[in-house]
Amino acid sequence: MSKIIGSIEQFDDGIRLVTINEAGDTAAISINDPTFIERFTDFFDWFGKGGDEITSFIEQKEGEELTLDTMAETASKRVELCKKARDRIDELFGEGTCKKTFGVDIPDEVCIMEFIEKMIPFINAAFEERGQHINRKYSRNRKGARSKQRTKAELIEDYGSGTEV
C-alpha cells in the first residue's frame, strides 16, 4: 500500500500565456522547457529558408510564360510551407494557436511572420523572468551561500587536530 508523505504546494508549471485574440484565447510559452528557445530559433531559420526557396523558384520561372501549371506549382509550394509552419507553431505555442490567432486553418507567410515577430518580446520577457528566478535561487547572496565554507586545507587541519569536521 502506498503512503503519501507530503505534497508540493504552488509549484510553478513554467507556462506563461499570451493573449492572441479578442476572444481571450492564449498561446503558451513554456519557460521550464529547455528546448523551447532552440525549437523557436530553429523554426525561425527554417521558415526563412523555406521562403527563400519559394522566392528562388519564382525567380527561376520569371523568364517563362506564366501558365496555370506554374501558378499551381507555386501555390502548392506556398501551401506546403504554411502547413508545416502551422504545425510547428502549434507545437511550440499550443494546439490550435494558428486557428485561434488567424481564424483560418492555414495562415499565409505574412501572417506567420507577423505572429512570430510579435511573440519575440513576450518570449524574451518570459525567459528574462526565468533567468531572474534562477539568479535569485542560486545567487551567492542567498542564505546558504553566505555561510562560512571551509577550504580543503582547513578541513584537513581540523581532522588532524582531532576537532570535529
N, C-alpha and C. Protein backbone atom coordinates (compact mmCIF):
# COMPACT_ATOMS: atom_id res chain seq x y z
N MET A 1 0.84 -1.18 0.00
CA MET A 1 0.00 0.00 0.00
C MET A 1 0.89 1.24 0.00
N SER A 2 0.59 2.18 -0.86
CA SER A 2 1.36 3.41 -0.94
C SER A 2 0.92 4.38 0.13
N LYS A 3 1.85 5.15 0.60
CA LYS A 3 1.56 6.13 1.63
C LYS A 3 2.02 7.50 1.14
N ILE A 4 1.14 8.47 1.21
CA ILE A 4 1.51 9.84 0.84
C ILE A 4 2.29 10.44 1.99
N ILE A 5 3.47 10.95 1.68
CA ILE A 5 4.31 11.52 2.73
C ILE A 5 4.36 13.04 2.69
N GLY A 6 3.74 13.64 1.72
CA GLY A 6 3.72 15.10 1.63
C GLY A 6 3.23 15.53 0.27
N SER A 7 3.20 16.84 0.05
CA SER A 7 2.79 17.37 -1.25
C SER A 7 3.57 18.65 -1.54
N ILE A 8 3.69 18.94 -2.81
CA ILE A 8 4.37 20.15 -3.24
C ILE A 8 3.29 21.21 -3.46
N GLU A 9 3.40 22.31 -2.77
CA GLU A 9 2.43 23.39 -2.88
C GLU A 9 2.92 24.44 -3.88
N GLN A 10 2.03 24.96 -4.68
CA GLN A 10 2.27 26.08 -5.58
C GLN A 10 3.51 25.91 -6.44
N PHE A 11 3.67 24.74 -7.05
CA PHE A 11 4.78 24.52 -7.96
C PHE A 11 4.49 25.26 -9.26
N ASP A 12 5.45 26.05 -9.72
CA ASP A 12 5.29 26.84 -10.94
C ASP A 12 5.45 25.92 -12.15
N ASP A 13 4.40 25.80 -12.96
CA ASP A 13 4.46 24.93 -14.12
C ASP A 13 5.28 25.54 -15.27
N GLY A 14 5.67 26.79 -15.14
CA GLY A 14 6.51 27.43 -16.14
C GLY A 14 5.78 27.86 -17.40
N ILE A 15 4.48 27.78 -17.41
CA ILE A 15 3.71 28.19 -18.59
C ILE A 15 3.35 29.66 -18.45
N ARG A 16 3.73 30.45 -19.45
CA ARG A 16 3.37 31.86 -19.49
C ARG A 16 2.45 32.04 -20.70
N LEU A 17 1.31 32.68 -20.47
CA LEU A 17 0.29 32.80 -21.51
C LEU A 17 0.28 34.20 -22.12
N VAL A 18 0.06 34.24 -23.43
CA VAL A 18 -0.03 35.49 -24.17
C VAL A 18 -1.39 35.50 -24.86
N THR A 19 -2.18 36.53 -24.63
CA THR A 19 -3.48 36.64 -25.28
C THR A 19 -3.25 36.91 -26.77
N ILE A 20 -3.94 36.12 -27.62
CA ILE A 20 -3.68 36.21 -29.07
C ILE A 20 -4.88 36.69 -29.88
N ASN A 21 -6.02 36.89 -29.24
CA ASN A 21 -7.17 37.41 -29.99
C ASN A 21 -8.14 38.09 -29.02
N GLU A 22 -9.16 38.71 -29.58
CA GLU A 22 -10.13 39.45 -28.76
C GLU A 22 -11.00 38.53 -27.90
N ALA A 23 -11.08 37.25 -28.29
CA ALA A 23 -11.88 36.30 -27.51
C ALA A 23 -11.16 35.85 -26.24
N GLY A 24 -9.90 36.24 -26.11
CA GLY A 24 -9.14 35.89 -24.92
C GLY A 24 -8.38 34.57 -25.02
N ASP A 25 -8.34 33.98 -26.21
CA ASP A 25 -7.54 32.76 -26.39
C ASP A 25 -6.07 33.09 -26.18
N THR A 26 -5.31 32.07 -25.78
CA THR A 26 -3.91 32.31 -25.45
C THR A 26 -2.97 31.37 -26.17
N ALA A 27 -1.72 31.83 -26.29
CA ALA A 27 -0.60 31.00 -26.74
C ALA A 27 0.27 30.79 -25.52
N ALA A 28 0.85 29.60 -25.41
CA ALA A 28 1.63 29.25 -24.22
C ALA A 28 3.13 29.25 -24.53
N ILE A 29 3.89 29.85 -23.61
CA ILE A 29 5.35 29.81 -23.67
C ILE A 29 5.80 29.03 -22.44
N SER A 30 6.53 27.96 -22.67
CA SER A 30 6.98 27.11 -21.55
C SER A 30 8.42 27.46 -21.19
N ILE A 31 8.57 28.18 -20.07
CA ILE A 31 9.92 28.58 -19.66
C ILE A 31 10.65 27.46 -18.92
N ASN A 32 9.95 26.40 -18.55
CA ASN A 32 10.61 25.25 -17.92
C ASN A 32 11.14 24.26 -18.95
N ASP A 33 10.81 24.47 -20.21
CA ASP A 33 11.25 23.58 -21.29
C ASP A 33 12.57 24.09 -21.84
N PRO A 34 13.68 23.39 -21.58
CA PRO A 34 14.97 23.89 -22.05
C PRO A 34 15.13 23.85 -23.57
N THR A 35 14.21 23.15 -24.26
CA THR A 35 14.31 23.07 -25.72
C THR A 35 13.49 24.16 -26.42
N PHE A 36 12.71 24.94 -25.68
CA PHE A 36 11.80 25.90 -26.31
C PHE A 36 12.55 26.91 -27.18
N ILE A 37 13.57 27.55 -26.63
CA ILE A 37 14.30 28.58 -27.39
C ILE A 37 14.95 27.97 -28.62
N GLU A 38 15.55 26.81 -28.47
CA GLU A 38 16.19 26.15 -29.60
C GLU A 38 15.16 25.84 -30.69
N ARG A 39 14.01 25.31 -30.29
CA ARG A 39 12.97 24.99 -31.27
C ARG A 39 12.42 26.25 -31.93
N PHE A 40 12.31 27.33 -31.15
CA PHE A 40 11.81 28.59 -31.70
C PHE A 40 12.80 29.16 -32.73
N THR A 41 14.07 29.19 -32.40
CA THR A 41 15.06 29.73 -33.34
C THR A 41 15.21 28.81 -34.55
N ASP A 42 15.11 27.49 -34.35
CA ASP A 42 15.13 26.57 -35.48
C ASP A 42 13.96 26.85 -36.42
N PHE A 43 12.78 27.09 -35.84
CA PHE A 43 11.62 27.42 -36.66
C PHE A 43 11.87 28.69 -37.47
N PHE A 44 12.39 29.71 -36.80
CA PHE A 44 12.64 30.99 -37.45
C PHE A 44 13.59 30.80 -38.64
N ASP A 45 14.68 30.06 -38.43
CA ASP A 45 15.64 29.79 -39.52
C ASP A 45 15.01 28.96 -40.63
N TRP A 46 14.30 27.89 -40.24
CA TRP A 46 13.66 27.01 -41.21
C TRP A 46 12.66 27.77 -42.07
N PHE A 47 11.85 28.61 -41.44
CA PHE A 47 10.82 29.34 -42.18
C PHE A 47 11.47 30.33 -43.15
N GLY A 48 12.53 30.99 -42.71
CA GLY A 48 13.25 31.92 -43.60
C GLY A 48 13.82 31.21 -44.82
N LYS A 49 14.40 30.03 -44.61
CA LYS A 49 14.95 29.25 -45.72
C LYS A 49 13.85 28.79 -46.67
N GLY A 50 12.72 28.40 -46.10
CA GLY A 50 11.58 27.99 -46.93
C GLY A 50 11.09 29.12 -47.80
N GLY A 51 11.03 30.31 -47.23
CA GLY A 51 10.64 31.49 -48.01
C GLY A 51 11.64 31.80 -49.10
N ASP A 52 12.93 31.64 -48.79
CA ASP A 52 13.98 31.86 -49.79
C ASP A 52 13.85 30.88 -50.95
N GLU A 53 13.51 29.63 -50.64
CA GLU A 53 13.35 28.61 -51.67
C GLU A 53 12.18 28.95 -52.60
N ILE A 54 11.10 29.43 -52.03
CA ILE A 54 9.95 29.81 -52.86
C ILE A 54 10.30 31.01 -53.73
N THR A 55 10.98 31.99 -53.15
CA THR A 55 11.40 33.16 -53.92
C THR A 55 12.31 32.74 -55.07
N SER A 56 13.25 31.84 -54.80
CA SER A 56 14.16 31.34 -55.83
C SER A 56 13.39 30.62 -56.93
N PHE A 57 12.40 29.83 -56.55
CA PHE A 57 11.58 29.11 -57.53
C PHE A 57 10.84 30.11 -58.42
N ILE A 58 10.28 31.14 -57.82
CA ILE A 58 9.54 32.15 -58.59
C ILE A 58 10.48 32.88 -59.55
N GLU A 59 11.69 33.21 -59.06
CA GLU A 59 12.66 33.91 -59.90
C GLU A 59 13.09 33.05 -61.08
N GLN A 60 13.20 31.74 -60.89
CA GLN A 60 13.56 30.83 -61.99
C GLN A 60 12.47 30.81 -63.06
N LYS A 61 11.24 30.99 -62.65
CA LYS A 61 10.11 30.93 -63.58
C LYS A 61 9.82 32.27 -64.25
N GLU A 62 10.50 33.35 -63.84
CA GLU A 62 10.18 34.69 -64.34
C GLU A 62 10.32 34.82 -65.85
N GLY A 63 11.31 34.21 -66.45
CA GLY A 63 11.51 34.35 -67.88
C GLY A 63 10.53 33.53 -68.70
N GLU A 64 9.90 32.59 -68.07
CA GLU A 64 8.98 31.69 -68.76
C GLU A 64 7.58 32.31 -68.84
N GLU A 65 6.79 31.77 -69.74
CA GLU A 65 5.40 32.20 -69.85
C GLU A 65 4.63 31.72 -68.62
N LEU A 66 3.82 32.60 -68.06
CA LEU A 66 3.04 32.26 -66.87
C LEU A 66 1.88 31.36 -67.27
N THR A 67 1.86 30.17 -66.73
CA THR A 67 0.79 29.21 -67.04
C THR A 67 0.08 28.83 -65.75
N LEU A 68 -1.06 28.19 -65.91
CA LEU A 68 -1.80 27.72 -64.74
C LEU A 68 -1.00 26.68 -63.98
N ASP A 69 -0.24 25.85 -64.70
CA ASP A 69 0.59 24.84 -64.03
C ASP A 69 1.65 25.49 -63.15
N THR A 70 2.29 26.54 -63.66
CA THR A 70 3.31 27.25 -62.89
C THR A 70 2.69 27.91 -61.66
N MET A 71 1.54 28.53 -61.84
CA MET A 71 0.85 29.16 -60.72
C MET A 71 0.45 28.12 -59.67
N ALA A 72 -0.07 26.98 -60.14
CA ALA A 72 -0.49 25.91 -59.23
C ALA A 72 0.72 25.34 -58.48
N GLU A 73 1.84 25.19 -59.16
CA GLU A 73 3.04 24.66 -58.52
C GLU A 73 3.56 25.63 -57.45
N THR A 74 3.55 26.91 -57.76
CA THR A 74 3.98 27.92 -56.79
C THR A 74 3.04 27.94 -55.59
N ALA A 75 1.74 27.91 -55.85
CA ALA A 75 0.76 27.90 -54.76
C ALA A 75 0.92 26.66 -53.90
N SER A 76 1.18 25.53 -54.53
CA SER A 76 1.35 24.28 -53.80
C SER A 76 2.56 24.36 -52.86
N LYS A 77 3.65 24.94 -53.34
CA LYS A 77 4.85 25.10 -52.51
C LYS A 77 4.57 26.02 -51.32
N ARG A 78 3.84 27.10 -51.58
CA ARG A 78 3.49 28.03 -50.50
C ARG A 78 2.59 27.36 -49.46
N VAL A 79 1.59 26.63 -49.93
CA VAL A 79 0.65 25.96 -49.01
C VAL A 79 1.40 24.93 -48.18
N GLU A 80 2.30 24.17 -48.80
CA GLU A 80 3.06 23.16 -48.07
C GLU A 80 3.92 23.80 -46.98
N LEU A 81 4.58 24.90 -47.30
CA LEU A 81 5.38 25.62 -46.32
C LEU A 81 4.51 26.14 -45.17
N CYS A 82 3.38 26.72 -45.51
CA CYS A 82 2.49 27.29 -44.50
C CYS A 82 1.85 26.20 -43.61
N LYS A 83 1.54 25.04 -44.19
CA LYS A 83 1.01 23.92 -43.38
C LYS A 83 2.04 23.46 -42.37
N LYS A 84 3.27 23.28 -42.83
CA LYS A 84 4.33 22.85 -41.92
C LYS A 84 4.59 23.91 -40.85
N ALA A 85 4.54 25.18 -41.25
CA ALA A 85 4.74 26.27 -40.29
C ALA A 85 3.62 26.26 -39.25
N ARG A 86 2.40 26.08 -39.69
CA ARG A 86 1.26 26.00 -38.76
C ARG A 86 1.47 24.89 -37.73
N ASP A 87 1.89 23.72 -38.22
CA ASP A 87 2.09 22.58 -37.33
C ASP A 87 3.19 22.87 -36.31
N ARG A 88 4.26 23.51 -36.77
CA ARG A 88 5.37 23.80 -35.86
C ARG A 88 4.99 24.90 -34.85
N ILE A 89 4.22 25.88 -35.28
CA ILE A 89 3.76 26.93 -34.36
C ILE A 89 2.84 26.31 -33.30
N ASP A 90 1.93 25.45 -33.74
CA ASP A 90 1.04 24.78 -32.79
C ASP A 90 1.82 23.92 -31.81
N GLU A 91 2.90 23.31 -32.28
CA GLU A 91 3.74 22.50 -31.39
C GLU A 91 4.46 23.39 -30.37
N LEU A 92 4.90 24.57 -30.80
CA LEU A 92 5.60 25.49 -29.91
C LEU A 92 4.68 26.15 -28.89
N PHE A 93 3.53 26.66 -29.35
CA PHE A 93 2.70 27.53 -28.51
C PHE A 93 1.38 26.90 -28.06
N GLY A 94 1.12 25.68 -28.45
CA GLY A 94 -0.11 25.01 -28.05
C GLY A 94 -1.00 24.71 -29.23
N GLU A 95 -1.67 23.58 -29.14
CA GLU A 95 -2.54 23.11 -30.22
C GLU A 95 -3.60 24.16 -30.55
N GLY A 96 -3.76 24.43 -31.85
CA GLY A 96 -4.78 25.36 -32.32
C GLY A 96 -4.38 26.82 -32.26
N THR A 97 -3.13 27.12 -31.95
CA THR A 97 -2.70 28.52 -31.85
C THR A 97 -2.94 29.27 -33.15
N CYS A 98 -2.58 28.68 -34.29
CA CYS A 98 -2.76 29.37 -35.57
C CYS A 98 -4.23 29.63 -35.87
N LYS A 99 -5.07 28.62 -35.67
CA LYS A 99 -6.51 28.77 -35.93
C LYS A 99 -7.10 29.87 -35.05
N LYS A 100 -6.71 29.88 -33.76
CA LYS A 100 -7.22 30.90 -32.84
C LYS A 100 -6.70 32.29 -33.19
N THR A 101 -5.47 32.36 -33.66
CA THR A 101 -4.85 33.66 -33.96
C THR A 101 -5.38 34.24 -35.27
N PHE A 102 -5.43 33.42 -36.31
CA PHE A 102 -5.73 33.93 -37.65
C PHE A 102 -7.14 33.63 -38.13
N GLY A 103 -7.82 32.68 -37.49
CA GLY A 103 -9.18 32.35 -37.90
C GLY A 103 -9.27 31.49 -39.14
N VAL A 104 -8.12 31.03 -39.64
CA VAL A 104 -8.09 30.14 -40.80
C VAL A 104 -7.23 28.93 -40.47
N ASP A 105 -7.45 27.85 -41.21
CA ASP A 105 -6.67 26.64 -40.96
C ASP A 105 -5.21 26.79 -41.35
N ILE A 106 -4.97 27.47 -42.47
CA ILE A 106 -3.60 27.63 -42.95
C ILE A 106 -3.33 29.12 -43.21
N PRO A 107 -2.65 29.79 -42.29
CA PRO A 107 -2.32 31.20 -42.50
C PRO A 107 -1.22 31.35 -43.54
N ASP A 108 -1.16 32.52 -44.20
CA ASP A 108 -0.11 32.73 -45.19
C ASP A 108 1.19 33.17 -44.52
N GLU A 109 2.23 33.32 -45.35
CA GLU A 109 3.57 33.63 -44.84
C GLU A 109 3.63 34.94 -44.07
N VAL A 110 2.91 35.94 -44.55
CA VAL A 110 2.93 37.26 -43.92
C VAL A 110 2.34 37.18 -42.51
N CYS A 111 1.21 36.50 -42.37
CA CYS A 111 0.58 36.33 -41.06
C CYS A 111 1.52 35.60 -40.11
N ILE A 112 2.15 34.55 -40.61
CA ILE A 112 3.04 33.75 -39.76
C ILE A 112 4.21 34.60 -39.27
N MET A 113 4.84 35.35 -40.16
CA MET A 113 5.98 36.18 -39.76
C MET A 113 5.56 37.27 -38.79
N GLU A 114 4.40 37.89 -39.02
CA GLU A 114 3.92 38.92 -38.10
C GLU A 114 3.68 38.32 -36.71
N PHE A 115 3.11 37.13 -36.67
CA PHE A 115 2.87 36.47 -35.39
C PHE A 115 4.18 36.20 -34.66
N ILE A 116 5.14 35.62 -35.38
CA ILE A 116 6.43 35.29 -34.77
C ILE A 116 7.13 36.56 -34.28
N GLU A 117 7.12 37.61 -35.07
CA GLU A 117 7.77 38.86 -34.66
C GLU A 117 7.08 39.47 -33.44
N LYS A 118 5.76 39.34 -33.36
CA LYS A 118 5.04 39.87 -32.20
C LYS A 118 5.25 39.02 -30.95
N MET A 119 5.58 37.75 -31.11
CA MET A 119 5.81 36.87 -29.96
C MET A 119 7.20 37.06 -29.35
N ILE A 120 8.15 37.55 -30.13
CA ILE A 120 9.53 37.66 -29.64
C ILE A 120 9.64 38.47 -28.34
N PRO A 121 9.01 39.65 -28.22
CA PRO A 121 9.13 40.37 -26.94
C PRO A 121 8.55 39.59 -25.75
N PHE A 122 7.48 38.84 -25.97
CA PHE A 122 6.89 38.04 -24.89
C PHE A 122 7.81 36.88 -24.50
N ILE A 123 8.43 36.27 -25.49
CA ILE A 123 9.37 35.19 -25.21
C ILE A 123 10.57 35.73 -24.43
N ASN A 124 11.09 36.88 -24.88
CA ASN A 124 12.21 37.49 -24.17
C ASN A 124 11.86 37.80 -22.72
N ALA A 125 10.68 38.36 -22.50
CA ALA A 125 10.25 38.72 -21.14
C ALA A 125 10.09 37.47 -20.28
N ALA A 126 9.52 36.42 -20.84
CA ALA A 126 9.30 35.19 -20.08
C ALA A 126 10.63 34.56 -19.67
N PHE A 127 11.57 34.52 -20.58
CA PHE A 127 12.85 33.89 -20.25
C PHE A 127 13.73 34.81 -19.41
N GLU A 128 13.52 36.11 -19.49
CA GLU A 128 14.21 37.03 -18.59
C GLU A 128 13.73 36.79 -17.15
N GLU A 129 12.42 36.61 -17.02
CA GLU A 129 11.85 36.28 -15.70
C GLU A 129 12.46 34.97 -15.18
N ARG A 130 12.59 33.98 -16.05
CA ARG A 130 13.18 32.69 -15.65
C ARG A 130 14.62 32.88 -15.19
N GLY A 131 15.39 33.68 -15.93
CA GLY A 131 16.77 33.96 -15.57
C GLY A 131 16.88 34.64 -14.22
N GLN A 132 15.99 35.59 -13.95
CA GLN A 132 15.99 36.29 -12.66
C GLN A 132 15.66 35.32 -11.53
N HIS A 133 14.71 34.43 -11.77
CA HIS A 133 14.35 33.43 -10.76
C HIS A 133 15.55 32.54 -10.44
N ILE A 134 16.24 32.09 -11.46
CA ILE A 134 17.41 31.23 -11.26
C ILE A 134 18.50 32.00 -10.52
N ASN A 135 18.72 33.26 -10.90
CA ASN A 135 19.74 34.07 -10.21
C ASN A 135 19.41 34.25 -8.73
N ARG A 136 18.14 34.50 -8.42
CA ARG A 136 17.74 34.64 -7.01
C ARG A 136 17.95 33.33 -6.25
N LYS A 137 17.59 32.25 -6.90
CA LYS A 137 17.65 30.96 -6.23
C LYS A 137 19.09 30.48 -6.00
N TYR A 138 19.97 30.75 -6.93
CA TYR A 138 21.33 30.22 -6.85
C TYR A 138 22.38 31.32 -6.67
N SER A 139 21.97 32.48 -6.23
CA SER A 139 22.87 33.59 -6.02
C SER A 139 23.80 33.33 -4.85
N ARG A 140 24.99 33.89 -4.90
CA ARG A 140 25.94 33.80 -3.79
C ARG A 140 25.41 34.53 -2.55
N ASN A 141 24.44 35.42 -2.74
CA ASN A 141 23.91 36.20 -1.62
C ASN A 141 22.77 35.50 -0.88
N ARG A 142 22.36 34.32 -1.34
CA ARG A 142 21.29 33.63 -0.62
C ARG A 142 21.83 33.12 0.72
N LYS A 143 20.94 32.80 1.60
CA LYS A 143 21.32 32.45 2.98
C LYS A 143 22.36 31.32 3.03
N GLY A 144 22.13 30.24 2.33
CA GLY A 144 23.05 29.10 2.37
C GLY A 144 24.42 29.43 1.80
N ALA A 145 24.47 30.32 0.84
CA ALA A 145 25.75 30.65 0.21
C ALA A 145 26.59 31.55 1.10
N ARG A 146 25.96 32.26 2.05
CA ARG A 146 26.71 33.18 2.91
C ARG A 146 27.38 32.48 4.08
N SER A 147 27.01 31.22 4.31
CA SER A 147 27.63 30.52 5.44
C SER A 147 29.11 30.28 5.13
N LYS A 148 29.90 30.22 6.16
CA LYS A 148 31.35 30.07 6.02
C LYS A 148 31.66 28.70 5.45
N GLN A 149 32.27 28.67 4.30
CA GLN A 149 32.69 27.42 3.68
C GLN A 149 34.17 27.23 4.00
N ARG A 150 34.49 26.08 4.58
CA ARG A 150 35.89 25.82 4.91
C ARG A 150 36.62 25.27 3.70
N THR A 151 37.88 25.63 3.58
CA THR A 151 38.70 25.14 2.48
C THR A 151 39.15 23.72 2.76
N LYS A 152 39.69 23.10 1.76
CA LYS A 152 40.21 21.74 1.90
C LYS A 152 41.30 21.71 2.97
N ALA A 153 42.19 22.71 2.95
CA ALA A 153 43.29 22.77 3.93
C ALA A 153 42.74 22.88 5.35
N GLU A 154 41.68 23.70 5.54
CA GLU A 154 41.08 23.84 6.87
C GLU A 154 40.46 22.53 7.34
N LEU A 155 39.81 21.82 6.45
CA LEU A 155 39.22 20.55 6.79
C LEU A 155 40.29 19.54 7.21
N ILE A 156 41.39 19.49 6.45
CA ILE A 156 42.49 18.57 6.78
C ILE A 156 43.11 18.93 8.12
N GLU A 157 43.32 20.23 8.34
CA GLU A 157 43.90 20.68 9.60
C GLU A 157 43.01 20.31 10.78
N ASP A 158 41.70 20.55 10.64
CA ASP A 158 40.76 20.20 11.71
C ASP A 158 40.74 18.70 11.96
N TYR A 159 40.80 17.93 10.90
CA TYR A 159 40.78 16.47 11.05
C TYR A 159 42.02 15.99 11.79
N GLY A 160 43.18 16.55 11.39
CA GLY A 160 44.45 16.17 12.03
C GLY A 160 44.54 16.59 13.48
N SER A 161 43.89 17.68 13.86
CA SER A 161 43.97 18.15 15.25
C SER A 161 42.95 17.48 16.15
N GLY A 162 42.07 16.70 15.57
CA GLY A 162 41.09 15.99 16.36
C GLY A 162 39.81 16.76 16.60
N THR A 163 39.67 18.00 16.06
CA THR A 163 38.41 18.73 16.21
C THR A 163 37.39 18.16 15.22
N GLU A 164 36.12 18.38 15.49
CA GLU A 164 35.07 17.85 14.62
C GLU A 164 35.08 18.54 13.26
N VAL A 165 34.89 17.74 12.26
CA VAL A 165 34.83 18.23 10.89
C VAL A 165 33.41 18.58 10.64
